[in-house]
N, C-alpha and C. Protein backbone atom coordinates (compact mmCIF):
# COMPACT_ATOMS: atom_id res chain seq x y z
N MET A 1 152.88 101.58 99.81
CA MET A 1 152.30 101.78 98.50
C MET A 1 150.97 102.51 98.61
N ASN A 2 150.71 103.28 97.63
CA ASN A 2 149.48 104.06 97.56
C ASN A 2 148.35 103.15 97.02
N PRO A 3 147.19 103.07 97.73
CA PRO A 3 146.11 102.18 97.28
C PRO A 3 145.58 102.52 95.89
N SER A 4 145.54 103.77 95.53
CA SER A 4 145.02 104.12 94.21
C SER A 4 145.98 103.66 93.12
N ARG A 5 147.33 103.63 93.39
CA ARG A 5 148.29 103.11 92.40
C ARG A 5 148.12 101.60 92.23
N VAL A 6 147.89 100.93 93.34
CA VAL A 6 147.68 99.48 93.26
C VAL A 6 146.43 99.19 92.43
N ASP A 7 145.37 99.96 92.66
CA ASP A 7 144.14 99.77 91.88
C ASP A 7 144.39 100.03 90.40
N SER A 8 145.15 101.06 90.09
CA SER A 8 145.46 101.38 88.70
C SER A 8 146.26 100.27 88.05
N LEU A 9 147.27 99.74 88.76
CA LEU A 9 148.08 98.64 88.22
C LEU A 9 147.23 97.39 88.00
N ILE A 10 146.34 97.10 88.94
CA ILE A 10 145.46 95.93 88.81
C ILE A 10 144.55 96.11 87.59
N ASP A 11 143.98 97.29 87.42
CA ASP A 11 143.12 97.55 86.27
C ASP A 11 143.89 97.41 84.96
N LEU A 12 145.11 97.92 84.92
CA LEU A 12 145.95 97.82 83.73
C LEU A 12 146.27 96.35 83.43
N THR A 13 146.59 95.59 84.48
CA THR A 13 146.88 94.17 84.31
C THR A 13 145.66 93.43 83.76
N TYR A 14 144.50 93.72 84.29
CA TYR A 14 143.28 93.08 83.77
C TYR A 14 143.04 93.47 82.32
N GLY A 15 143.28 94.70 81.99
CA GLY A 15 143.14 95.14 80.60
C GLY A 15 144.05 94.36 79.67
N LEU A 16 145.33 94.16 80.08
CA LEU A 16 146.27 93.38 79.27
C LEU A 16 145.83 91.93 79.17
N LEU A 17 145.34 91.36 80.28
CA LEU A 17 144.88 89.97 80.26
C LEU A 17 143.68 89.80 79.32
N ILE A 18 142.79 90.77 79.32
CA ILE A 18 141.63 90.71 78.42
C ILE A 18 142.09 90.79 76.97
N ALA A 19 143.04 91.68 76.68
CA ALA A 19 143.58 91.78 75.32
C ALA A 19 144.24 90.47 74.91
N LEU A 20 145.02 89.86 75.83
CA LEU A 20 145.67 88.59 75.56
C LEU A 20 144.62 87.49 75.32
N ALA A 21 143.54 87.50 76.11
CA ALA A 21 142.48 86.51 75.94
C ALA A 21 141.82 86.64 74.59
N VAL A 22 141.56 87.87 74.16
CA VAL A 22 140.95 88.09 72.85
C VAL A 22 141.89 87.59 71.76
N GLY A 23 143.19 87.89 71.92
CA GLY A 23 144.18 87.42 70.95
C GLY A 23 144.23 85.90 70.88
N LEU A 24 144.21 85.23 72.04
CA LEU A 24 144.24 83.77 72.05
C LEU A 24 142.97 83.17 71.44
N ILE A 25 141.84 83.80 71.69
CA ILE A 25 140.59 83.30 71.12
C ILE A 25 140.65 83.39 69.59
N LEU A 26 141.22 84.49 69.07
CA LEU A 26 141.29 84.67 67.62
C LEU A 26 142.36 83.79 66.98
N LEU A 27 143.53 83.67 67.64
CA LEU A 27 144.65 82.95 67.04
C LEU A 27 144.64 81.46 67.34
N ALA A 28 144.39 81.12 68.57
CA ALA A 28 144.43 79.71 68.95
C ALA A 28 143.08 79.08 68.66
N GLU A 29 143.09 78.19 67.73
CA GLU A 29 141.85 77.53 67.38
C GLU A 29 141.64 76.38 68.34
N GLY A 30 140.60 76.49 69.10
CA GLY A 30 140.33 75.42 70.05
C GLY A 30 139.88 75.97 71.37
N PRO A 31 139.68 75.08 72.30
CA PRO A 31 139.12 75.47 73.59
C PRO A 31 140.11 76.19 74.51
N ILE A 32 141.40 76.18 74.23
CA ILE A 32 142.38 76.81 75.12
C ILE A 32 142.16 78.32 75.18
N GLY A 33 142.09 78.95 74.04
CA GLY A 33 141.88 80.40 74.00
C GLY A 33 140.54 80.79 74.61
N LEU A 34 139.51 80.01 74.32
CA LEU A 34 138.18 80.28 74.86
C LEU A 34 138.16 80.13 76.37
N ALA A 35 138.78 79.08 76.89
CA ALA A 35 138.83 78.87 78.34
C ALA A 35 139.59 79.99 79.03
N PHE A 36 140.73 80.39 78.46
CA PHE A 36 141.51 81.47 79.05
C PHE A 36 140.70 82.78 79.05
N GLY A 37 140.02 83.06 77.95
CA GLY A 37 139.21 84.28 77.85
C GLY A 37 138.07 84.30 78.86
N ILE A 38 137.37 83.18 79.01
CA ILE A 38 136.28 83.11 79.98
C ILE A 38 136.81 83.28 81.39
N GLY A 39 137.96 82.66 81.68
CA GLY A 39 138.57 82.80 83.02
C GLY A 39 138.93 84.23 83.32
N VAL A 40 139.52 84.94 82.35
CA VAL A 40 139.89 86.34 82.56
C VAL A 40 138.64 87.19 82.78
N LEU A 41 137.60 86.99 81.99
CA LEU A 41 136.38 87.79 82.14
C LEU A 41 135.71 87.54 83.49
N VAL A 42 135.66 86.30 83.93
CA VAL A 42 135.06 85.99 85.23
C VAL A 42 135.86 86.62 86.35
N SER A 43 137.19 86.53 86.28
CA SER A 43 138.01 87.13 87.34
C SER A 43 137.89 88.65 87.32
N TYR A 44 137.73 89.24 86.13
CA TYR A 44 137.56 90.69 86.06
C TYR A 44 136.23 91.11 86.70
N ILE A 45 135.17 90.33 86.47
CA ILE A 45 133.88 90.64 87.09
C ILE A 45 133.98 90.55 88.60
N VAL A 46 134.68 89.53 89.10
CA VAL A 46 134.88 89.40 90.55
C VAL A 46 135.65 90.61 91.07
N HIS A 47 136.67 91.04 90.33
CA HIS A 47 137.46 92.21 90.73
C HIS A 47 136.59 93.47 90.79
N VAL A 48 135.74 93.67 89.80
CA VAL A 48 134.88 94.87 89.77
C VAL A 48 133.90 94.84 90.94
N VAL A 49 133.32 93.69 91.23
CA VAL A 49 132.40 93.58 92.36
C VAL A 49 133.13 93.88 93.66
N TRP A 50 134.35 93.35 93.81
CA TRP A 50 135.15 93.60 95.01
C TRP A 50 135.45 95.09 95.15
N LYS A 51 135.82 95.72 94.03
CA LYS A 51 136.17 97.14 94.06
C LYS A 51 134.94 97.99 94.40
N MET A 52 133.79 97.65 93.82
CA MET A 52 132.57 98.41 94.12
C MET A 52 132.19 98.26 95.59
N ALA A 53 132.35 97.05 96.10
CA ALA A 53 132.01 96.83 97.51
C ALA A 53 132.96 97.59 98.42
N ARG A 54 134.22 97.74 98.01
CA ARG A 54 135.21 98.44 98.82
C ARG A 54 134.97 99.94 98.83
N PHE A 55 134.72 100.53 97.66
CA PHE A 55 134.59 101.98 97.56
C PHE A 55 133.16 102.46 97.81
N ASP A 56 132.16 101.64 97.49
CA ASP A 56 130.75 102.02 97.68
C ASP A 56 129.99 100.81 98.20
N PRO A 57 130.04 100.58 99.52
CA PRO A 57 129.45 99.37 100.08
C PRO A 57 127.93 99.29 99.90
N ASP A 58 127.25 100.39 99.69
CA ASP A 58 125.79 100.38 99.58
C ASP A 58 125.29 100.15 98.15
N TRP A 59 126.18 100.04 97.17
CA TRP A 59 125.72 99.95 95.79
C TRP A 59 124.89 98.71 95.52
N MET A 60 125.26 97.59 96.10
CA MET A 60 124.52 96.36 95.85
C MET A 60 123.14 96.41 96.52
N THR A 61 123.09 96.85 97.76
CA THR A 61 121.79 96.91 98.46
C THR A 61 120.89 97.95 97.81
N THR A 62 121.46 99.05 97.33
CA THR A 62 120.66 100.08 96.67
C THR A 62 120.06 99.53 95.38
N THR A 63 120.87 98.82 94.61
CA THR A 63 120.38 98.25 93.35
C THR A 63 119.29 97.22 93.60
N VAL A 64 119.51 96.34 94.55
CA VAL A 64 118.50 95.33 94.87
C VAL A 64 117.23 95.99 95.39
N LYS A 65 117.40 96.99 96.23
CA LYS A 65 116.24 97.70 96.79
C LYS A 65 115.41 98.34 95.69
N GLU A 66 116.08 99.00 94.73
CA GLU A 66 115.36 99.64 93.63
C GLU A 66 114.62 98.61 92.77
N THR A 67 115.27 97.50 92.49
CA THR A 67 114.65 96.46 91.68
C THR A 67 113.43 95.87 92.38
N VAL A 68 113.58 95.58 93.66
CA VAL A 68 112.47 95.03 94.43
C VAL A 68 111.32 96.03 94.50
N GLN A 69 111.65 97.30 94.72
CA GLN A 69 110.62 98.34 94.81
C GLN A 69 109.82 98.45 93.51
N GLU A 70 110.52 98.43 92.36
CA GLU A 70 109.83 98.51 91.08
C GLU A 70 108.91 97.31 90.87
N THR A 71 109.43 96.12 91.18
CA THR A 71 108.63 94.91 91.00
C THR A 71 107.40 94.92 91.89
N VAL A 72 107.58 95.30 93.14
CA VAL A 72 106.46 95.35 94.08
C VAL A 72 105.43 96.38 93.62
N ASP A 73 105.89 97.56 93.20
CA ASP A 73 104.96 98.60 92.74
C ASP A 73 104.13 98.11 91.56
N GLU A 74 104.77 97.47 90.59
CA GLU A 74 104.03 97.00 89.42
C GLU A 74 103.03 95.92 89.79
N THR A 75 103.49 94.94 90.56
CA THR A 75 102.63 93.81 90.92
C THR A 75 101.45 94.27 91.77
N VAL A 76 101.73 95.04 92.80
CA VAL A 76 100.67 95.51 93.69
C VAL A 76 99.72 96.43 92.93
N GLY A 77 100.25 97.30 92.09
CA GLY A 77 99.40 98.21 91.31
C GLY A 77 98.42 97.47 90.43
N GLU A 78 98.92 96.46 89.71
CA GLU A 78 98.04 95.69 88.83
C GLU A 78 97.00 94.91 89.62
N THR A 79 97.44 94.28 90.71
CA THR A 79 96.52 93.48 91.52
C THR A 79 95.43 94.35 92.13
N VAL A 80 95.82 95.47 92.70
CA VAL A 80 94.85 96.38 93.32
C VAL A 80 93.88 96.91 92.27
N GLU A 81 94.39 97.25 91.10
CA GLU A 81 93.54 97.78 90.05
C GLU A 81 92.49 96.74 89.63
N GLN A 82 92.92 95.50 89.47
CA GLN A 82 91.98 94.44 89.09
C GLN A 82 90.92 94.23 90.17
N GLN A 83 91.35 94.18 91.43
CA GLN A 83 90.41 93.96 92.53
C GLN A 83 89.40 95.11 92.61
N VAL A 84 89.90 96.34 92.48
CA VAL A 84 89.01 97.51 92.57
C VAL A 84 88.01 97.47 91.42
N ASP A 85 88.47 97.17 90.20
CA ASP A 85 87.56 97.11 89.06
C ASP A 85 86.46 96.07 89.28
N GLU A 86 86.86 94.88 89.71
CA GLU A 86 85.87 93.81 89.92
C GLU A 86 84.88 94.19 91.01
N THR A 87 85.40 94.72 92.12
CA THR A 87 84.53 95.08 93.24
C THR A 87 83.57 96.19 92.85
N VAL A 88 84.07 97.20 92.15
CA VAL A 88 83.22 98.33 91.74
C VAL A 88 82.13 97.84 90.79
N LYS A 89 82.49 97.00 89.83
CA LYS A 89 81.49 96.51 88.89
C LYS A 89 80.39 95.73 89.60
N GLU A 90 80.80 94.83 90.50
CA GLU A 90 79.81 94.03 91.23
C GLU A 90 78.92 94.91 92.10
N THR A 91 79.55 95.79 92.87
CA THR A 91 78.81 96.62 93.81
C THR A 91 77.87 97.57 93.08
N VAL A 92 78.38 98.23 92.04
CA VAL A 92 77.55 99.18 91.30
C VAL A 92 76.39 98.45 90.63
N GLY A 93 76.66 97.30 90.05
CA GLY A 93 75.59 96.54 89.40
C GLY A 93 74.48 96.16 90.36
N GLU A 94 74.88 95.61 91.51
CA GLU A 94 73.88 95.18 92.50
C GLU A 94 73.12 96.38 93.07
N THR A 95 73.86 97.44 93.40
CA THR A 95 73.23 98.62 93.99
C THR A 95 72.27 99.28 93.02
N VAL A 96 72.70 99.42 91.77
CA VAL A 96 71.85 100.06 90.77
C VAL A 96 70.59 99.24 90.56
N GLU A 97 70.74 97.95 90.42
CA GLU A 97 69.57 97.10 90.19
C GLU A 97 68.58 97.19 91.34
N ALA A 98 69.10 97.08 92.57
CA ALA A 98 68.22 97.13 93.74
C ALA A 98 67.56 98.50 93.86
N THR A 99 68.34 99.55 93.70
CA THR A 99 67.81 100.91 93.84
C THR A 99 66.78 101.22 92.77
N VAL A 100 67.09 100.86 91.54
CA VAL A 100 66.16 101.14 90.44
C VAL A 100 64.87 100.36 90.62
N ASP A 101 64.99 99.07 90.94
CA ASP A 101 63.78 98.28 91.15
C ASP A 101 62.90 98.87 92.24
N GLU A 102 63.52 99.21 93.35
CA GLU A 102 62.77 99.73 94.50
C GLU A 102 62.18 101.10 94.20
N ALA A 103 63.03 102.03 93.73
CA ALA A 103 62.59 103.41 93.52
C ALA A 103 61.54 103.50 92.42
N VAL A 104 61.82 102.87 91.31
CA VAL A 104 60.89 102.96 90.18
C VAL A 104 59.60 102.23 90.51
N GLY A 105 59.70 101.07 91.14
CA GLY A 105 58.49 100.33 91.49
C GLY A 105 57.57 101.12 92.39
N GLU A 106 58.13 101.68 93.45
CA GLU A 106 57.31 102.46 94.39
C GLU A 106 56.75 103.71 93.72
N SER A 107 57.59 104.45 93.01
CA SER A 107 57.14 105.69 92.37
C SER A 107 56.07 105.42 91.33
N VAL A 108 56.31 104.43 90.49
CA VAL A 108 55.34 104.14 89.44
C VAL A 108 54.02 103.68 90.04
N GLU A 109 54.09 102.80 91.01
CA GLU A 109 52.87 102.28 91.61
C GLU A 109 52.06 103.40 92.28
N ALA A 110 52.74 104.24 93.06
CA ALA A 110 52.05 105.33 93.75
C ALA A 110 51.47 106.32 92.75
N THR A 111 52.26 106.69 91.77
CA THR A 111 51.81 107.67 90.78
C THR A 111 50.66 107.14 89.94
N VAL A 112 50.80 105.92 89.48
CA VAL A 112 49.75 105.33 88.66
C VAL A 112 48.47 105.17 89.47
N ASP A 113 48.58 104.69 90.70
CA ASP A 113 47.38 104.54 91.55
C ASP A 113 46.67 105.88 91.72
N GLU A 114 47.45 106.89 92.04
CA GLU A 114 46.85 108.21 92.29
C GLU A 114 46.23 108.80 91.03
N ALA A 115 47.01 108.82 89.94
CA ALA A 115 46.54 109.44 88.70
C ALA A 115 45.35 108.69 88.11
N VAL A 116 45.44 107.39 88.06
CA VAL A 116 44.36 106.59 87.48
C VAL A 116 43.11 106.68 88.35
N GLY A 117 43.28 106.62 89.65
CA GLY A 117 42.13 106.68 90.55
C GLY A 117 41.34 107.97 90.40
N GLU A 118 42.03 109.10 90.42
CA GLU A 118 41.34 110.39 90.30
C GLU A 118 40.68 110.54 88.94
N THR A 119 41.40 110.19 87.89
CA THR A 119 40.87 110.35 86.54
C THR A 119 39.65 109.46 86.32
N VAL A 120 39.73 108.24 86.78
CA VAL A 120 38.61 107.31 86.59
C VAL A 120 37.37 107.80 87.34
N GLU A 121 37.54 108.27 88.58
CA GLU A 121 36.39 108.76 89.35
C GLU A 121 35.70 109.92 88.65
N LYS A 122 36.48 110.91 88.22
CA LYS A 122 35.90 112.09 87.57
C LYS A 122 35.21 111.72 86.26
N SER A 123 35.86 110.88 85.46
CA SER A 123 35.32 110.52 84.15
C SER A 123 34.05 109.68 84.27
N VAL A 124 34.02 108.74 85.21
CA VAL A 124 32.85 107.87 85.39
C VAL A 124 31.65 108.69 85.81
N GLU A 125 31.84 109.66 86.68
CA GLU A 125 30.73 110.48 87.16
C GLU A 125 30.20 111.38 86.06
N ALA A 126 31.02 111.83 85.14
CA ALA A 126 30.62 112.84 84.18
C ALA A 126 30.17 112.30 82.83
N ALA A 127 30.54 111.07 82.43
CA ALA A 127 30.26 110.65 81.05
C ALA A 127 29.81 109.20 80.99
N VAL A 128 29.43 108.84 79.78
CA VAL A 128 28.99 107.48 79.50
C VAL A 128 30.19 106.57 79.29
N ASP A 129 29.92 105.27 79.05
CA ASP A 129 31.01 104.30 78.92
C ASP A 129 32.00 104.66 77.81
N GLU A 130 31.51 105.10 76.66
CA GLU A 130 32.41 105.46 75.57
C GLU A 130 33.31 106.60 75.95
N THR A 131 32.75 107.66 76.53
CA THR A 131 33.51 108.83 76.93
C THR A 131 34.51 108.46 78.01
N VAL A 132 34.10 107.60 78.92
CA VAL A 132 34.99 107.18 80.00
C VAL A 132 36.23 106.51 79.42
N GLU A 133 36.03 105.59 78.47
CA GLU A 133 37.17 104.87 77.89
C GLU A 133 38.13 105.83 77.19
N LYS A 134 37.62 106.77 76.41
CA LYS A 134 38.49 107.72 75.71
C LYS A 134 39.24 108.62 76.68
N LYS A 135 38.51 109.20 77.63
CA LYS A 135 39.12 110.14 78.58
C LYS A 135 40.17 109.45 79.45
N VAL A 136 39.83 108.27 79.95
CA VAL A 136 40.77 107.55 80.83
C VAL A 136 42.05 107.25 80.06
N GLY A 137 41.91 106.77 78.84
CA GLY A 137 43.10 106.43 78.05
C GLY A 137 44.01 107.63 77.85
N GLU A 138 43.43 108.77 77.43
CA GLU A 138 44.24 109.96 77.17
C GLU A 138 44.83 110.53 78.46
N THR A 139 43.99 110.70 79.47
CA THR A 139 44.44 111.31 80.72
C THR A 139 45.48 110.44 81.42
N VAL A 140 45.23 109.17 81.47
CA VAL A 140 46.17 108.26 82.14
C VAL A 140 47.52 108.29 81.42
N GLU A 141 47.46 108.23 80.11
CA GLU A 141 48.72 108.22 79.36
C GLU A 141 49.53 109.49 79.61
N ARG A 142 48.89 110.65 79.53
CA ARG A 142 49.60 111.92 79.75
C ARG A 142 50.11 112.04 81.18
N SER A 143 49.24 111.80 82.13
CA SER A 143 49.61 111.95 83.54
C SER A 143 50.72 110.98 83.94
N VAL A 144 50.58 109.76 83.51
CA VAL A 144 51.57 108.74 83.89
C VAL A 144 52.92 109.06 83.26
N GLU A 145 52.92 109.42 82.00
CA GLU A 145 54.19 109.72 81.34
C GLU A 145 54.90 110.89 82.02
N GLU A 146 54.19 111.96 82.27
CA GLU A 146 54.81 113.13 82.89
C GLU A 146 55.28 112.82 84.31
N THR A 147 54.41 112.25 85.10
CA THR A 147 54.74 112.00 86.51
C THR A 147 55.84 110.96 86.64
N VAL A 148 55.75 109.90 85.88
CA VAL A 148 56.75 108.83 85.98
C VAL A 148 58.11 109.34 85.52
N GLU A 149 58.14 110.10 84.45
CA GLU A 149 59.42 110.62 83.98
C GLU A 149 60.05 111.52 85.03
N GLU A 150 59.29 112.41 85.63
CA GLU A 150 59.83 113.31 86.65
C GLU A 150 60.34 112.53 87.86
N LYS A 151 59.51 111.63 88.39
CA LYS A 151 59.89 110.87 89.59
C LYS A 151 61.10 109.98 89.31
N ALA A 152 61.05 109.27 88.19
CA ALA A 152 62.14 108.34 87.87
C ALA A 152 63.45 109.08 87.67
N GLU A 153 63.42 110.22 86.97
CA GLU A 153 64.65 110.99 86.77
C GLU A 153 65.22 111.48 88.09
N GLN A 154 64.39 111.96 88.98
CA GLN A 154 64.88 112.45 90.28
C GLN A 154 65.53 111.32 91.06
N LYS A 155 64.87 110.18 91.16
CA LYS A 155 65.41 109.05 91.94
C LYS A 155 66.70 108.53 91.32
N VAL A 156 66.70 108.37 90.01
CA VAL A 156 67.86 107.78 89.33
C VAL A 156 69.06 108.71 89.42
N GLU A 157 68.88 110.00 89.23
CA GLU A 157 70.00 110.94 89.30
C GLU A 157 70.61 110.99 90.68
N GLU A 158 69.83 110.76 91.73
CA GLU A 158 70.35 110.79 93.09
C GLU A 158 71.15 109.55 93.41
N THR A 159 70.84 108.42 92.82
CA THR A 159 71.43 107.15 93.28
C THR A 159 72.40 106.50 92.31
N VAL A 160 72.43 106.88 91.05
CA VAL A 160 73.23 106.14 90.07
C VAL A 160 74.33 107.04 89.49
N GLU A 161 75.52 106.51 89.33
CA GLU A 161 76.64 107.27 88.78
C GLU A 161 76.56 107.29 87.26
N GLU A 162 77.49 108.06 86.63
CA GLU A 162 77.46 108.26 85.19
C GLU A 162 77.59 106.97 84.39
N LYS A 163 78.33 106.02 84.90
CA LYS A 163 78.62 104.80 84.15
C LYS A 163 77.39 103.94 83.90
N VAL A 164 76.30 104.10 84.69
CA VAL A 164 75.15 103.22 84.58
C VAL A 164 73.90 103.95 84.11
N ASP A 165 74.02 105.10 83.50
CA ASP A 165 72.86 105.86 83.05
C ASP A 165 72.03 105.08 82.02
N GLU A 166 72.68 104.41 81.09
CA GLU A 166 71.96 103.68 80.05
C GLU A 166 71.10 102.57 80.65
N THR A 167 71.68 101.86 81.61
CA THR A 167 70.97 100.74 82.23
C THR A 167 69.73 101.24 82.97
N VAL A 168 69.87 102.34 83.68
CA VAL A 168 68.76 102.89 84.46
C VAL A 168 67.62 103.32 83.55
N GLU A 169 67.94 103.97 82.43
CA GLU A 169 66.88 104.41 81.53
C GLU A 169 66.10 103.23 80.96
N GLU A 170 66.81 102.15 80.62
CA GLU A 170 66.13 100.97 80.09
C GLU A 170 65.19 100.38 81.13
N LYS A 171 65.68 100.25 82.37
CA LYS A 171 64.85 99.63 83.43
C LYS A 171 63.64 100.52 83.75
N VAL A 172 63.84 101.84 83.78
CA VAL A 172 62.74 102.75 84.08
C VAL A 172 61.67 102.64 82.99
N ASP A 173 62.09 102.64 81.72
CA ASP A 173 61.13 102.56 80.63
C ASP A 173 60.34 101.26 80.68
N GLU A 174 61.04 100.15 80.92
CA GLU A 174 60.37 98.86 80.98
C GLU A 174 59.37 98.81 82.14
N ALA A 175 59.80 99.30 83.31
CA ALA A 175 58.94 99.25 84.49
C ALA A 175 57.70 100.13 84.29
N VAL A 176 57.89 101.31 83.72
CA VAL A 176 56.78 102.23 83.51
C VAL A 176 55.77 101.64 82.54
N GLU A 177 56.25 101.08 81.43
CA GLU A 177 55.34 100.52 80.45
C GLU A 177 54.54 99.36 81.04
N GLU A 178 55.22 98.50 81.80
CA GLU A 178 54.52 97.37 82.40
C GLU A 178 53.48 97.83 83.41
N LYS A 179 53.85 98.74 84.28
CA LYS A 179 52.92 99.21 85.32
C LYS A 179 51.73 99.94 84.71
N VAL A 180 52.00 100.78 83.71
CA VAL A 180 50.92 101.54 83.08
C VAL A 180 49.96 100.57 82.39
N ASP A 181 50.51 99.58 81.66
CA ASP A 181 49.65 98.61 80.98
C ASP A 181 48.81 97.84 81.99
N GLU A 182 49.45 97.40 83.09
CA GLU A 182 48.73 96.64 84.10
C GLU A 182 47.64 97.49 84.76
N LYS A 183 47.98 98.69 85.15
CA LYS A 183 47.01 99.56 85.83
C LYS A 183 45.87 99.95 84.89
N THR A 184 46.21 100.24 83.65
CA THR A 184 45.19 100.63 82.68
C THR A 184 44.25 99.45 82.44
N GLU A 185 44.81 98.25 82.27
CA GLU A 185 43.98 97.08 82.06
C GLU A 185 43.11 96.81 83.29
N ASP A 186 43.70 96.97 84.49
CA ASP A 186 42.95 96.75 85.73
C ASP A 186 41.81 97.76 85.86
N GLU A 187 42.11 99.02 85.57
CA GLU A 187 41.09 100.06 85.69
C GLU A 187 39.99 99.88 84.64
N GLU A 188 40.38 99.50 83.42
CA GLU A 188 39.39 99.28 82.38
C GLU A 188 38.52 98.07 82.73
N ALA A 189 39.17 97.07 83.28
CA ALA A 189 38.43 95.87 83.65
C ALA A 189 37.46 96.18 84.80
N SER A 190 37.88 96.99 85.75
CA SER A 190 37.03 97.29 86.90
C SER A 190 35.93 98.30 86.55
N SER A 191 36.15 99.13 85.54
CA SER A 191 35.15 100.13 85.18
C SER A 191 34.08 99.56 84.26
N THR A 192 34.35 98.46 83.62
CA THR A 192 33.35 97.90 82.69
C THR A 192 32.49 96.86 83.31
């Protein structure tokens, strides 16, 4: 006998059994038709699996492999993305804070010391107390603003990425205002 004829006859027989099962389910009221129909469908599924394994032995492993690959890709992708996001946020936050504190603190302190020192010396030698107070206030404010803005922008642009620009500007402004107020008060206190 030819194997393809046997397969065709088996398929035809299963088709007739399925039709008979549907007929029994519709005509026979009760569990007999339903049980026969379920039995035929289960045996047909077993037959299809057997046939697929015979003609294409790799179909089951290929299907399982594809399913596992998709699941692994999704799970690993999501997990890695979450870990990277958390790590980047923590690292960038800590690095930006440390860098801004260090860079701005040093720059502001050095610039304010230099600018205030020179201005105070020149003004004290040349004018009276009233003139000294006016000149120091104006000169310190102009010099500090220009110098601090230039230094802070250079340091911040070198060390901070685009995502943290707003944070850096806030910290620089706060640090500059505090240092300028402290230095100005110190210089005014020491000059009087």
